[in-house]
Protein backbone atom coordinates (compact mmCIF):
# COMPACT_ATOMS: atom_id res chain seq x y z
CA UNK A 1 -0.02 0.05 0.14
CA UNK A 2 1.34 3.50 -0.96
CA UNK A 3 2.15 5.76 2.04
CA UNK A 4 -0.67 8.16 1.02
CA UNK A 5 -3.26 5.28 1.33
CA UNK A 6 -1.80 4.21 4.62
CA UNK A 7 -1.94 7.64 6.01
CA UNK A 8 -5.67 7.93 4.79
CA UNK A 9 -6.63 4.54 6.55
CA UNK A 10 -5.32 5.54 9.70
CA UNK A 11 -6.98 9.05 9.64
CA UNK A 12 -10.35 7.93 8.55
CA UNK A 13 -10.84 4.30 9.99
CA UNK A 14 -12.88 5.76 12.84
CA UNK A 15 -15.11 8.30 11.01
CA UNK A 16 -15.50 7.62 7.29
CA UNK A 17 -18.65 6.25 6.39
CA UNK A 18 -17.41 3.13 4.53
CA UNK A 19 -15.56 1.98 7.68
CA UNK A 20 -18.28 2.70 9.90
CA UNK A 21 -20.79 0.84 7.72
CA UNK A 22 -18.39 -1.92 7.05
CA UNK A 23 -17.89 -2.50 10.93
CA UNK A 24 -21.78 -2.75 11.47
CA UNK A 25 -22.32 -5.35 8.54
CA UNK A 26 -19.38 -7.37 9.22
CA UNK A 27 -20.27 -7.48 12.86
CA UNK A 28 -23.74 -8.49 11.97
CA UNK A 29 -22.50 -11.14 9.70
CA UNK A 30 -20.27 -12.77 12.36
CA UNK A 31 -22.83 -12.71 15.01
CA UNK A 32 -25.39 -14.40 12.69
CA UNK A 33 -22.86 -17.13 11.91
CA UNK A 34 -21.87 -17.71 15.68
CA UNK A 35 -25.46 -17.58 16.82
CA UNK A 36 -25.46 -18.37 20.78
CA UNK A 37 -22.07 -19.84 20.69
CA UNK A 38 -19.78 -19.05 23.67
CA UNK A 39 -16.96 -16.42 23.11
CA UNK A 40 -13.80 -17.50 21.52
CA UNK A 41 -10.52 -17.43 23.21
CA UNK A 42 -7.77 -15.46 21.36
CA UNK A 43 -8.24 -13.78 17.88
CA UNK A 44 -5.37 -12.58 15.42
CA UNK A 45 -6.33 -9.53 13.45
CA UNK A 46 -4.01 -9.60 10.27
CA UNK A 47 -3.58 -6.08 8.91
CA UNK A 48 -5.47 -4.62 11.60
CA UNK A 49 -3.01 -1.81 12.38
CA UNK A 50 -5.39 1.02 12.04
CA UNK A 51 -7.77 -0.69 14.69
CA UNK A 52 -10.95 -0.34 12.64
CA UNK A 53 -12.18 -3.75 13.21
CA UNK A 54 -10.67 -4.57 16.71
CA UNK A 55 -14.11 -3.86 18.25
CA UNK A 56 -15.77 -6.31 16.08
CA UNK A 57 -13.50 -9.01 17.04
CA UNK A 58 -13.82 -8.08 20.84
CA UNK A 59 -17.45 -8.70 20.81
CA UNK A 60 -16.77 -12.47 20.27
CA UNK A 61 -13.14 -13.02 21.58
CA UNK A 62 -11.67 -12.63 24.97
CA UNK A 63 -8.42 -11.30 23.60
CA UNK A 64 -7.42 -9.86 20.25
CA UNK A 65 -3.84 -9.55 18.98
CA UNK A 66 -3.15 -7.10 16.05
CA UNK A 67 -0.58 -7.79 13.49
CA UNK A 68 0.44 -5.59 10.57
CA UNK A 69 3.39 -5.11 8.10
CA UNK A 70 3.24 -1.30 8.59
CA UNK A 71 4.54 -0.52 12.16
CA UNK A 72 3.43 3.00 11.84
CA UNK A 73 -0.15 1.69 12.00
CA UNK A 74 0.19 -0.35 15.20
CA UNK A 75 0.25 2.65 17.52
CA UNK A 76 -3.48 2.14 17.38
CA UNK A 77 -3.56 -1.35 18.82
CA UNK A 78 -2.87 -2.43 22.52
CA UNK A 79 -1.55 -6.00 21.70
CA UNK A 80 0.47 -5.63 18.50
CA UNK A 81 3.06 -7.47 16.45
CA UNK A 82 4.83 -6.18 13.25
CA UNK A 83 6.17 -8.55 10.64
CA UNK A 84 5.70 -10.44 7.37
CA UNK A 85 2.59 -12.16 6.66
CA UNK A 86 4.30 -15.19 4.90
CA UNK A 87 6.26 -15.83 8.10
CA UNK A 88 4.00 -15.24 11.26
CA UNK A 89 5.90 -15.15 14.46
CA UNK A 90 3.36 -17.11 16.35
CA UNK A 91 3.33 -20.99 17.32
CA UNK A 92 1.02 -23.54 15.53
CA UNK A 93 -2.47 -23.65 16.45
CA UNK A 94 -2.14 -20.70 18.43
CA UNK A 95 -5.34 -18.85 17.83
CA UNK A 96 -9.08 -19.68 18.00
CA UNK A 97 -10.00 -16.98 15.35
CA UNK A 98 -7.92 -15.58 12.64
CA UNK A 99 -9.30 -12.34 10.82
CA UNK A 100 -7.97 -10.97 7.46
CA UNK A 101 -10.14 -8.02 6.51
CA UNK A 102 -9.08 -6.58 3.23
CA UNK A 103 -5.56 -8.38 3.37
CA UNK A 104 -5.48 -11.38 0.77
CA UNK A 105 -5.83 -8.82 -2.02
CA UNK A 106 -2.61 -7.14 -1.27
CA UNK A 107 -0.42 -10.24 -1.09
CA UNK A 108 1.30 -11.39 -4.31
CA UNK A 109 1.88 -15.01 -2.75
CA UNK A 110 -1.57 -15.73 -1.32
CA UNK A 111 -0.92 -19.55 -1.02
CA UNK A 112 2.08 -18.62 1.45
CA UNK A 113 -0.36 -16.27 3.44
CA UNK A 114 -2.82 -19.06 3.82
CA UNK A 115 -0.44 -21.62 4.78
CA UNK A 116 0.63 -19.41 7.50
CA UNK A 117 -3.05 -18.59 8.53
CA UNK A 118 -3.67 -22.44 8.45
CA UNK A 119 -0.74 -23.06 10.65
CA UNK A 120 -1.46 -20.52 13.40
CA UNK A 121 -5.21 -21.49 13.43
CA UNK A 122 -6.21 -24.29 15.68
CA UNK A 123 -8.28 -27.22 14.19
CA UNK A 124 -11.88 -26.07 14.38
CA UNK A 125 -10.87 -22.42 14.38
CA UNK A 126 -12.46 -19.89 12.25
CA UNK A 127 -10.98 -17.79 9.53
CA UNK A 128 -13.07 -14.60 8.67
CA UNK A 129 -11.83 -12.95 5.63
CA UNK A 130 -13.09 -9.93 3.11
CA UNK A 131 -11.74 -9.13 0.01
CA UNK A 132 -12.70 -6.70 -2.96
CA UNK A 133 -15.22 -8.36 -5.47
CA UNK A 134 -15.22 -8.33 -9.38
CA UNK A 135 -12.06 -8.45 -11.27
CA UNK A 136 -13.84 -6.19 -13.82
CA UNK A 137 -14.06 -3.36 -11.32
CA UNK A 138 -10.09 -3.26 -10.86
CA UNK A 139 -9.32 0.41 -11.33
CA UNK A 140 -6.83 3.23 -10.30
CA UNK A 141 -8.00 3.10 -6.76
CA UNK A 142 -6.96 -0.60 -6.60
CA UNK A 143 -3.58 0.18 -7.81
CA UNK A 144 -3.04 3.02 -5.14
CA UNK A 145 -4.49 0.89 -2.41
CA UNK A 146 -1.92 -1.95 -3.27
CA UNK A 147 -4.42 -4.39 -4.60
CA UNK A 148 -3.04 -7.23 -6.55
CA UNK A 149 -6.32 -8.59 -7.59
CA UNK A 150 -10.10 -8.55 -6.86
CA UNK A 151 -12.09 -11.83 -6.45
CA UNK A 152 -15.07 -13.55 -7.65
CA UNK A 153 -17.20 -15.59 -5.27
CA UNK A 154 -15.95 -18.95 -6.80
CA UNK A 155 -12.25 -17.77 -6.85
CA UNK A 156 -12.45 -16.86 -3.26
CA UNK A 157 -13.90 -20.21 -2.19
CA UNK A 158 -11.21 -22.25 -4.41
CA UNK A 159 -8.54 -20.20 -2.76
CA UNK A 160 -9.62 -21.11 0.72
CA UNK A 161 -10.32 -24.62 0.23
CA UNK A 162 -6.91 -25.19 -1.45
CA UNK A 163 -5.89 -25.40 2.09
CA UNK A 164 -7.44 -27.19 5.25
CA UNK A 165 -10.17 -24.76 5.39
CA UNK A 166 -13.85 -25.59 4.97
CA UNK A 167 -15.89 -22.62 3.62
CA UNK A 168 -18.93 -22.30 5.66
CA UNK A 169 -20.31 -19.06 4.35
CA UNK A 170 -19.70 -16.52 1.56
CA UNK A 171 -21.71 -13.37 1.05
CA UNK A 172 -21.23 -9.95 -1.04
CA UNK A 173 -21.34 -6.92 1.12
CA UNK A 174 -21.91 -3.17 0.23
CA UNK A 175 -25.05 -4.46 -1.57
CA UNK A 176 -27.29 -1.36 -1.49
CA UNK A 177 -24.79 0.98 -2.87
CA UNK A 178 -23.33 -1.35 -5.56
CA UNK A 179 -25.65 -0.33 -8.38
CA UNK A 180 -24.34 3.22 -7.84
CA UNK A 181 -20.78 2.31 -7.33
CA UNK A 182 -20.31 -0.20 -10.34
CA UNK A 183 -21.34 2.27 -13.11
CA UNK A 184 -19.25 5.09 -11.55
CA UNK A 185 -16.22 3.12 -11.37
CA UNK A 186 -16.70 1.83 -15.14
CA UNK A 187 -17.02 5.43 -16.10
CA UNK A 188 -13.82 6.50 -14.34
CA UNK A 189 -12.11 3.46 -15.90
CA UNK A 190 -13.25 4.58 -19.50
CA UNK A 191 -12.35 8.17 -18.93
CA UNK A 192 -8.69 6.81 -17.71
CA UNK A 193 -8.47 5.01 -20.88
CA UNK A 194 -9.36 7.67 -23.14
CA UNK A 195 -6.70 9.94 -21.37
CA UNK A 196 -9.25 12.24 -20.03
CA UNK A 197 -8.27 11.42 -16.34
CA UNK A 198 -4.89 11.03 -15.15
CA UNK A 199 -3.83 8.16 -12.73
CA UNK A 200 -3.10 10.22 -9.68
CA UNK A 201 -0.99 8.27 -7.23
CA UNK A 202 -2.52 10.14 -4.32
CA UNK A 203 -6.15 9.88 -5.25
CA UNK A 204 -8.36 7.05 -3.77
CA UNK A 205 -11.95 6.73 -3.04
CA UNK A 206 -11.22 7.92 0.41
CA UNK A 207 -9.68 11.12 -1.03
CA UNK A 208 -13.07 12.67 -1.69
CA UNK A 209 -14.15 14.99 1.02
CA UNK A 210 -17.81 14.81 1.78
CA UNK A 211 -19.92 16.77 4.15
CA UNK A 212 -21.03 15.11 7.30
CA UNK A 213 -24.73 14.70 6.20
CA UNK A 214 -23.43 12.73 3.22
CA UNK A 215 -21.19 10.38 5.56
CA UNK A 216 -24.35 9.73 7.52
CA UNK A 217 -26.48 8.90 4.57
CA UNK A 218 -24.06 6.60 3.02
CA UNK A 219 -23.36 4.93 6.21
CA UNK A 220 -27.07 4.52 6.61
CA UNK A 221 -27.31 2.98 3.12
CA UNK A 222 -24.39 0.46 3.89
CA UNK A 223 -26.09 -0.66 7.27
CA UNK A 224 -29.42 -1.18 5.36
CA UNK A 225 -28.14 -4.48 4.17
CA UNK A 226 -28.00 -6.07 7.61
CA UNK A 227 -31.50 -7.63 7.67
CA UNK A 228 -30.54 -9.36 4.40
CA UNK A 229 -27.21 -10.36 5.58
CA UNK A 230 -28.81 -12.16 8.69
CA UNK A 231 -31.10 -14.24 6.42
CA UNK A 232 -29.23 -15.08 3.39
CA UNK A 233 -25.93 -14.70 1.52
CA UNK A 234 -26.17 -11.68 -0.71
CA UNK A 235 -25.68 -12.54 -4.42
CA UNK A 236 -24.07 -9.37 -5.37
CA UNK A 237 -22.13 -6.42 -4.05
CA UNK A 238 -18.86 -4.56 -3.98
CA UNK A 239 -17.03 -6.86 -1.75
CA UNK A 240 -17.12 -10.49 -0.38
CA UNK A 241 -17.06 -11.89 3.18
CA UNK A 242 -16.08 -15.55 3.80
CA UNK A 243 -16.14 -17.53 7.03
CA UNK A 244 -14.20 -20.72 6.94
CA UNK A 245 -13.24 -23.39 9.66
CA UNK A 246 -9.79 -25.12 9.86
CA UNK A 247 -10.29 -28.81 9.52
CA UNK A 248 -8.43 -31.70 11.22
CA UNK A 249 -5.38 -33.09 9.46
CA UNK A 250 -6.27 -36.02 7.26
CA UNK A 251 -4.42 -39.33 7.91
CA UNK A 252 -2.93 -40.98 4.82
CA UNK A 253 -3.09 -44.80 5.17
CA UNK A 254 -0.75 -46.93 3.02
CA UNK A 255 -0.49 -50.75 3.13
CA UNK A 256 2.20 -52.09 5.27
CA UNK A 257 5.01 -53.93 3.40
CA UNK A 258 6.05 -56.24 6.22
CA UNK A 259 5.06 -59.94 5.58
CA UNK A 260 4.28 -60.79 9.08
CA UNK A 261 2.59 -57.49 10.05
CA UNK A 262 -0.63 -57.88 11.82
CA UNK A 263 -2.05 -54.53 10.75
CA UNK A 264 -3.60 -54.46 7.41
CA UNK A 265 -3.08 -50.92 6.93
CA UNK A 266 -0.55 -48.35 8.35
CA UNK A 267 -2.03 -45.73 10.59
CA UNK A 268 0.90 -43.37 10.76
CA UNK A 269 -0.31 -39.84 9.57
CA UNK A 270 2.99 -39.28 7.29
CA UNK A 271 3.78 -42.94 6.64
CA UNK A 272 7.09 -43.30 4.56
CA UNK A 273 6.35 -46.97 3.58
CA UNK A 274 5.43 -47.54 0.06
CA UNK A 275 2.25 -49.64 -0.80
CA UNK A 276 2.92 -53.35 -0.58
CA UNK A 277 3.91 -54.89 -3.92
CA UNK A 278 2.69 -58.38 -3.07
CA UNK A 279 -0.36 -59.75 -4.97
CA UNK A 280 -3.48 -59.46 -2.86
CA UNK A 281 -3.91 -63.14 -2.43
CA UNK A 282 -0.32 -63.69 -1.31
CA UNK A 283 -0.62 -60.72 1.12
CA UNK A 284 -3.84 -61.98 2.49
CA UNK A 285 -2.26 -65.43 3.14
CA UNK A 286 0.81 -64.02 4.94
CA UNK A 287 -1.38 -61.74 7.27
CA UNK A 288 -3.52 -64.88 7.93
CA UNK A 289 -0.53 -67.02 8.71
CA UNK A 290 0.90 -64.40 11.04
CA UNK A 291 -2.39 -63.92 12.98
CA UNK A 292 -2.62 -67.73 13.41
CA UNK A 293 0.91 -67.87 14.74
CA UNK A 294 0.34 -65.03 17.12
CA UNK A 295 -3.00 -66.91 18.40
CA UNK A 296 -0.84 -70.33 18.81
CA UNK A 297 1.93 -68.71 20.61
CA UNK A 298 0.31 -68.78 24.09
CA UNK A 299 -0.67 -72.47 23.77
CA UNK A 300 2.77 -73.50 22.63
CA UNK A 301 4.37 -71.59 25.60
CA UNK A 302 1.93 -73.22 28.33
CA UNK A 303 2.81 -76.79 26.57
CA UNK A 304 6.34 -76.03 26.96
CA UNK A 305 5.94 -75.20 30.63
CA UNK A 306 3.97 -78.18 31.33
CA UNK A 307 6.63 -80.62 29.71
CA UNK A 308 9.30 -78.89 31.65
């Protein structure tokens, strides 16, 4: 993210209509997903240096740790760590919840980031993430904000399920305003292509100064989708929110190669033994003989003691 955008996020995260509406909608989505479940333990807020979503996580978690690659933003967080998303400085299975609000679209190697998220998230833990939607809306604002990509619903699901993450819920957000946002962005893109507008590296959607009443009106329009989000997954919108659970590690079962092994299948999680190369009938005979020998062993021992 360029320095201008970082500074804007820090300044506007508590007062801009987009941040305020996003907090309200995401909080409702997470509350609907959790239902009456007890509070989680420890949450990791990735990219949360501006602190705009900390309050949302604190509603459902006992403790929130903020992580960001921009140390200058971490002054807004109480428990904070700076570093690289592809090498998180935390132990395996350390967190009950990992939040990545508008993070994945900034990462060149999203696979490395998701591997780390999977690693620090305990089995059964929850990942909640949000990303910008629709690649055809990619514009100068995305470039200034440092977005590498925008996502479709299917692309986001495939990205998450490529790891040990089971996607439970995917919905679009910023639904009510999307019919206004989409044509406006497409018009600006067309003017940029025609050379009518320059690509100002300092200009983002947040650069536009709005009167207070307009902030209030736009926030209310954003919040208006909450009843919809509480009932169903919205089919269209400017952003996407997904909630996924970290699944258990799957054991790989390979056939044991020992001729006198009493176990038909190897139960080691990361077995290094290759599948048995014996024919099925020969392998079955060997296993049967081994079982019978094991069953006869106590009787033979007892007979030997009597003769002695």
